Amino acid sequence: MDDAPHDDARPAPGDAAAGVRTGGPTSPSEEFLELLHDVLRSVRREASELLGHEMTPGQLRLLRTLDRCDRPRRLGELADVLDVAPRSVTSKVDQAEEDGWVRRVPDPADRRATLVELTEAGREQLARLSDRRQEGARARLDVLDPDEQQQLLGLLRRVVRG
């Protein structure tokens, strides 16, 4: 795949330092899984550094989910979409509301229920974080020339479609 030497700061897939047995992958499917794991771990680490103490990855997921919604959502709906317990969403919403990124509004269809919506400050925070995440993704892709980038994206699309 890539004949370039690996960065000494990061173990190559299959290296003992990566927590994987030495000797390298034994099959393309094993190497595929190891490479995906390495890329995702790197992206998560970068995202964690990017977020710092401003917000947790779970809060970011909450804001991104609300941003994609066509209307304010109930806590239960958000819990289902995020695949977490309702009490977990409640604590995330409490913190995001305290930070000014979301607000609770009455549900016009059921006065006992509350909906959650993204505030303008939440949208601005998402835009800032998105810009910084895009920079990281661009830096990763910049090791490839434009044709290789398109080839990689095309291959990943085929893999996703199965």
C-alpha atoms as a PDB file:
ATOM      1  CA  MET A   1       0.000   0.000   0.000  1.00  0.00           C
ATOM      2  CA  ASP A   2       2.482   2.668   1.192  1.00  0.00           C
ATOM      3  CA  ASP A   3       6.202   2.074   0.945  1.00  0.00           C
ATOM      4  CA  ALA A   4       7.055   5.245   2.870  1.00  0.00           C
ATOM      5  CA  PRO A   5       8.570   4.739   6.318  1.00  0.00           C
ATOM      6  CA  HIS A   6       6.171   5.101   9.213  1.00  0.00           C
ATOM      7  CA  ASP A   7       6.388   8.076  11.563  1.00  0.00           C
ATOM      8  CA  ASP A   8       8.494   6.981  14.539  1.00  0.00           C
ATOM      9  CA  ALA A   9       6.041   8.620  16.955  1.00  0.00           C
ATOM     10  CA  ARG A  10       3.254   6.232  15.935  1.00  0.00           C
ATOM     11  CA  PRO A  11       3.435   2.477  15.762  1.00  0.00           C
ATOM     12  CA  ALA A  12       2.649   0.944  12.409  1.00  0.00           C
ATOM     13  CA  PRO A  13      -0.320  -1.428  12.199  1.00  0.00           C
ATOM     14  CA  GLY A  14       0.745  -4.754  13.631  1.00  0.00           C
ATOM     15  CA  ASP A  15       3.563  -3.305  15.773  1.00  0.00           C
ATOM     16  CA  ALA A  16       3.804  -4.555  19.322  1.00  0.00           C
ATOM     17  CA  ALA A  17       3.732  -0.933  20.561  1.00  0.00           C
ATOM     18  CA  ALA A  18       0.275  -0.571  19.026  1.00  0.00           C
ATOM     19  CA  GLY A  19      -0.988  -3.278  21.355  1.00  0.00           C
ATOM     20  CA  VAL A  20      -1.231  -5.732  18.466  1.00  0.00           C
ATOM     21  CA  ARG A  21       0.820  -8.879  18.057  1.00  0.00           C
ATOM     22  CA  THR A  22       4.021  -8.482  16.070  1.00  0.00           C
ATOM     23  CA  GLY A  23       4.514  -9.942  12.644  1.00  0.00           C
ATOM     24  CA  GLY A  24       1.957  -7.766  10.917  1.00  0.00           C
ATOM     25  CA  PRO A  25      -1.520  -8.636   9.770  1.00  0.00           C
ATOM     26  CA  THR A  26      -2.125 -12.093   8.405  1.00  0.00           C
ATOM     27  CA  SER A  27      -4.816 -11.145   5.928  1.00  0.00           C
ATOM     28  CA  PRO A  28      -6.148  -8.111   4.042  1.00  0.00           C
ATOM     29  CA  SER A  29      -9.227  -8.075   6.286  1.00  0.00           C
ATOM     30  CA  GLU A  30      -7.048  -7.992   9.407  1.00  0.00           C
ATOM     31  CA  GLU A  31      -4.913  -5.165   7.988  1.00  0.00           C
ATOM     32  CA  PHE A  32      -8.079  -3.294   6.961  1.00  0.00           C
ATOM     33  CA  LEU A  33      -9.423  -3.517  10.525  1.00  0.00           C
ATOM     34  CA  GLU A  34      -6.083  -2.466  12.039  1.00  0.00           C
ATOM     35  CA  LEU A  35      -5.754   0.514   9.691  1.00  0.00           C
ATOM     36  CA  LEU A  36      -9.326   1.641  10.377  1.00  0.00           C
ATOM     37  CA  HIS A  37      -8.689   1.335  14.099  1.00  0.00           C
ATOM     38  CA  ASP A  38      -5.484   3.387  13.801  1.00  0.00           C
ATOM     39  CA  VAL A  39      -7.150   6.131  11.762  1.00  0.00           C
ATOM     40  CA  LEU A  40     -10.161   6.329  14.084  1.00  0.00           C
ATOM     41  CA  ARG A  41      -7.987   6.366  17.210  1.00  0.00           C
ATOM     42  CA  SER A  42      -5.929   9.177  15.703  1.00  0.00           C
ATOM     43  CA  VAL A  43      -9.054  11.148  14.755  1.00  0.00           C
ATOM     44  CA  ARG A  44     -10.544  10.656  18.242  1.00  0.00           C
ATOM     45  CA  ARG A  45      -7.307  11.766  19.904  1.00  0.00           C
ATOM     46  CA  GLU A  46      -7.182  14.842  17.684  1.00  0.00           C
ATOM     47  CA  ALA A  47     -10.851  15.607  18.381  1.00  0.00           C
ATOM     48  CA  SER A  48     -10.255  15.295  22.110  1.00  0.00           C
ATOM     49  CA  GLU A  49      -7.320  17.716  21.896  1.00  0.00           C
ATOM     50  CA  LEU A  50      -9.402  20.033  19.726  1.00  0.00           C
ATOM     51  CA  LEU A  51     -12.300  20.047  22.183  1.00  0.00           C
ATOM     52  CA  GLY A  52     -10.025  20.495  25.177  1.00  0.00           C
ATOM     53  CA  HIS A  53     -12.107  21.375  28.200  1.00  0.00           C
ATOM     54  CA  GLU A  54     -14.720  23.239  26.152  1.00  0.00           C
ATOM     55  CA  MET A  55     -16.924  20.210  25.584  1.00  0.00           C
ATOM     56  CA  THR A  56     -16.898  16.429  25.650  1.00  0.00           C
ATOM     57  CA  PRO A  57     -17.179  14.257  22.530  1.00  0.00           C
ATOM     58  CA  GLY A  58     -20.685  13.304  23.731  1.00  0.00           C
ATOM     59  CA  GLN A  59     -21.725  16.943  23.915  1.00  0.00           C
ATOM     60  CA  LEU A  60     -20.344  17.483  20.419  1.00  0.00           C
ATOM     61  CA  ARG A  61     -22.439  14.550  19.170  1.00  0.00           C
ATOM     62  CA  LEU A  62     -25.499  16.082  20.813  1.00  0.00           C
ATOM     63  CA  LEU A  63     -24.929  19.456  19.146  1.00  0.00           C
ATOM     64  CA  ARG A  64     -24.215  17.872  15.758  1.00  0.00           C
ATOM     65  CA  THR A  65     -27.388  15.786  16.051  1.00  0.00           C
ATOM     66  CA  LEU A  66     -29.505  18.828  16.909  1.00  0.00           C
ATOM     67  CA  ASP A  67     -27.917  20.728  14.028  1.00  0.00           C
ATOM     68  CA  ARG A  68     -29.087  18.036  11.584  1.00  0.00           C
ATOM     69  CA  CYS A  69     -32.646  18.027  12.929  1.00  0.00           C
ATOM     70  CA  ASP A  70     -35.377  19.843  11.054  1.00  0.00           C
ATOM     71  CA  ARG A  71     -37.054  20.877  14.307  1.00  0.00           C
ATOM     72  CA  PRO A  72     -36.521  20.866  18.085  1.00  0.00           C
ATOM     73  CA  ARG A  73     -36.515  17.346  19.580  1.00  0.00           C
ATOM     74  CA  ARG A  74     -37.675  15.675  22.764  1.00  0.00           C
ATOM     75  CA  LEU A  75     -35.049  14.241  25.078  1.00  0.00           C
ATOM     76  CA  GLY A  76     -36.298  10.701  24.394  1.00  0.00           C
ATOM     77  CA  GLU A  77     -35.917  11.191  20.653  1.00  0.00           C
ATOM     78  CA  LEU A  78     -32.368  12.441  21.149  1.00  0.00           C
ATOM     79  CA  ALA A  79     -31.570   9.461  23.375  1.00  0.00           C
ATOM     80  CA  ASP A  80     -32.801   7.111  20.643  1.00  0.00           C
ATOM     81  CA  VAL A  81     -30.819   8.841  17.895  1.00  0.00           C
ATOM     82  CA  LEU A  82     -27.672   9.005  20.033  1.00  0.00           C
ATOM     83  CA  ASP A  83     -28.245   5.432  21.277  1.00  0.00           C
ATOM     84  CA  VAL A  84     -27.741   6.403  24.914  1.00  0.00           C
ATOM     85  CA  ALA A  85     -29.827   6.266  28.083  1.00  0.00           C
ATOM     86  CA  PRO A  86     -32.302   9.143  28.507  1.00  0.00           C
ATOM     87  CA  ARG A  87     -30.582  10.236  31.756  1.00  0.00           C
ATOM     88  CA  SER A  88     -27.327  10.612  29.804  1.00  0.00           C
ATOM     89  CA  VAL A  89     -29.033  12.965  27.348  1.00  0.00           C
ATOM     90  CA  THR A  90     -30.513  14.929  30.226  1.00  0.00           C
ATOM     91  CA  SER A  91     -27.079  15.588  31.724  1.00  0.00           C
ATOM     92  CA  LYS A  92     -25.624  16.511  28.312  1.00  0.00           C
ATOM     93  CA  VAL A  93     -28.518  18.894  27.653  1.00  0.00           C
ATOM     94  CA  ASP A  94     -28.178  20.384  31.149  1.00  0.00           C
ATOM     95  CA  GLN A  95     -24.506  21.162  30.520  1.00  0.00           C
ATOM     96  CA  ALA A  96     -25.082  22.410  26.955  1.00  0.00           C
ATOM     97  CA  GLU A  97     -27.881  24.636  28.205  1.00  0.00           C
ATOM     98  CA  GLU A  98     -25.632  26.010  30.953  1.00  0.00           C
ATOM     99  CA  ASP A  99     -22.999  26.723  28.270  1.00  0.00           C
ATOM    100  CA  GLY A 100     -25.612  28.509  26.140  1.00  0.00           C
ATOM    101  CA  TRP A 101     -25.440  26.055  23.230  1.00  0.00           C
ATOM    102  CA  VAL A 102     -29.006  24.700  23.510  1.00  0.00           C
ATOM    103  CA  ARG A 103     -32.283  25.781  25.030  1.00  0.00           C
ATOM    104  CA  ARG A 104     -35.351  23.947  26.217  1.00  0.00           C
ATOM    105  CA  VAL A 105     -38.663  25.079  24.750  1.00  0.00           C
ATOM    106  CA  PRO A 106     -42.230  23.933  25.464  1.00  0.00           C
ATOM    107  CA  ASP A 107     -43.639  21.298  23.133  1.00  0.00           C
ATOM    108  CA  PRO A 108     -46.638  22.918  21.393  1.00  0.00           C
ATOM    109  CA  ALA A 109     -48.237  19.491  20.922  1.00  0.00           C
ATOM    110  CA  ASP A 110     -47.907  18.435  24.582  1.00  0.00           C
ATOM    111  CA  ARG A 111     -47.582  21.052  27.293  1.00  0.00           C
ATOM    112  CA  ARG A 112     -46.089  18.455  29.672  1.00  0.00           C
ATOM    113  CA  ALA A 113     -43.154  17.829  27.319  1.00  0.00           C
ATOM    114  CA  THR A 114     -40.057  19.855  26.590  1.00  0.00           C
ATOM    115  CA  LEU A 115     -38.129  20.129  23.355  1.00  0.00           C
ATOM    116  CA  VAL A 116     -34.455  20.939  22.882  1.00  0.00           C
ATOM    117  CA  GLU A 117     -33.080  23.164  20.146  1.00  0.00           C
ATOM    118  CA  LEU A 118     -29.687  24.501  19.183  1.00  0.00           C
ATOM    119  CA  THR A 119     -29.026  28.169  19.936  1.00  0.00           C
ATOM    120  CA  GLU A 120     -27.135  30.554  17.688  1.00  0.00           C
ATOM    121  CA  ALA A 121     -24.170  30.257  20.080  1.00  0.00           C
ATOM    122  CA  GLY A 122     -24.361  26.469  19.646  1.00  0.00           C
ATOM    123  CA  ARG A 123     -24.319  26.823  15.867  1.00  0.00           C
ATOM    124  CA  GLU A 124     -21.321  29.161  16.070  1.00  0.00           C
ATOM    125  CA  GLN A 125     -19.464  26.725  18.344  1.00  0.00           C
ATOM    126  CA  LEU A 126     -20.165  23.875  15.928  1.00  0.00           C
ATOM    127  CA  ALA A 127     -18.915  25.946  12.990  1.00  0.00           C
ATOM    128  CA  ARG A 128     -15.659  26.761  14.826  1.00  0.00           C
ATOM    129  CA  LEU A 129     -15.074  23.134  15.748  1.00  0.00           C
ATOM    130  CA  SER A 130     -16.007  21.937  12.266  1.00  0.00           C
ATOM    131  CA  ASP A 131     -13.483  24.283  10.686  1.00  0.00           C
ATOM    132  CA  ARG A 132     -10.733  22.967  12.961  1.00  0.00           C
ATOM    133  CA  ARG A 133     -11.727  19.324  12.354  1.00  0.00           C
ATOM    134  CA  GLN A 134     -11.676  19.953   8.599  1.00  0.00           C
ATOM    135  CA  GLU A 135      -8.118  21.272   8.905  1.00  0.00           C
ATOM    136  CA  GLY A 136      -7.081  17.993  10.534  1.00  0.00           C
ATOM    137  CA  ALA A 137      -8.779  15.930   7.835  1.00  0.00           C
ATOM    138  CA  ARG A 138      -7.160  18.037   5.102  1.00  0.00           C
ATOM    139  CA  ALA A 139      -3.755  17.531   6.685  1.00  0.00           C
ATOM    140  CA  ARG A 140      -4.271  13.753   6.613  1.00  0.00           C
ATOM    141  CA  LEU A 141      -5.424  13.803   2.996  1.00  0.00           C
ATOM    142  CA  ASP A 142      -2.612  16.141   1.918  1.00  0.00           C
ATOM    143  CA  VAL A 143      -0.169  13.216   2.048  1.00  0.00           C
ATOM    144  CA  LEU A 144      -1.976  12.054  -1.099  1.00  0.00           C
ATOM    145  CA  ASP A 145      -2.107  13.822  -4.434  1.00  0.00           C
ATOM    146  CA  PRO A 146      -5.592  14.882  -5.654  1.00  0.00           C
ATOM    147  CA  ASP A 147      -6.043  11.763  -7.815  1.00  0.00           C
ATOM    148  CA  GLU A 148      -5.105   9.508  -4.887  1.00  0.00           C
ATOM    149  CA  GLN A 149      -7.547  11.378  -2.649  1.00  0.00           C
ATOM    150  CA  GLN A 150     -10.371  10.767  -5.116  1.00  0.00           C
ATOM    151  CA  GLN A 151      -9.354   7.129  -5.474  1.00  0.00           C
ATOM    152  CA  LEU A 152      -9.312   6.663  -1.676  1.00  0.00           C
ATOM    153  CA  LEU A 153     -12.722   8.293  -1.274  1.00  0.00           C
ATOM    154  CA  GLY A 154     -14.158   6.215  -4.115  1.00  0.00           C
ATOM    155  CA  LEU A 155     -12.827   3.004  -2.597  1.00  0.00           C
ATOM    156  CA  LEU A 156     -14.174   3.896   0.835  1.00  0.00           C
ATOM    157  CA  ARG A 157     -17.607   4.614  -0.686  1.00  0.00           C
ATOM    158  CA  ARG A 158     -17.579   1.154  -2.276  1.00  0.00           C
ATOM    159  CA  VAL A 159     -16.585  -0.466   1.018  1.00  0.00           C
ATOM    160  CA  VAL A 160     -19.352   1.393   2.876  1.00  0.00           C
ATOM    161  CA  ARG A 161     -21.967   0.262   0.347  1.00  0.00           C
ATOM    162  CA  GLY A 162     -20.744  -3.303   0.783  1.00  0.00           C
END
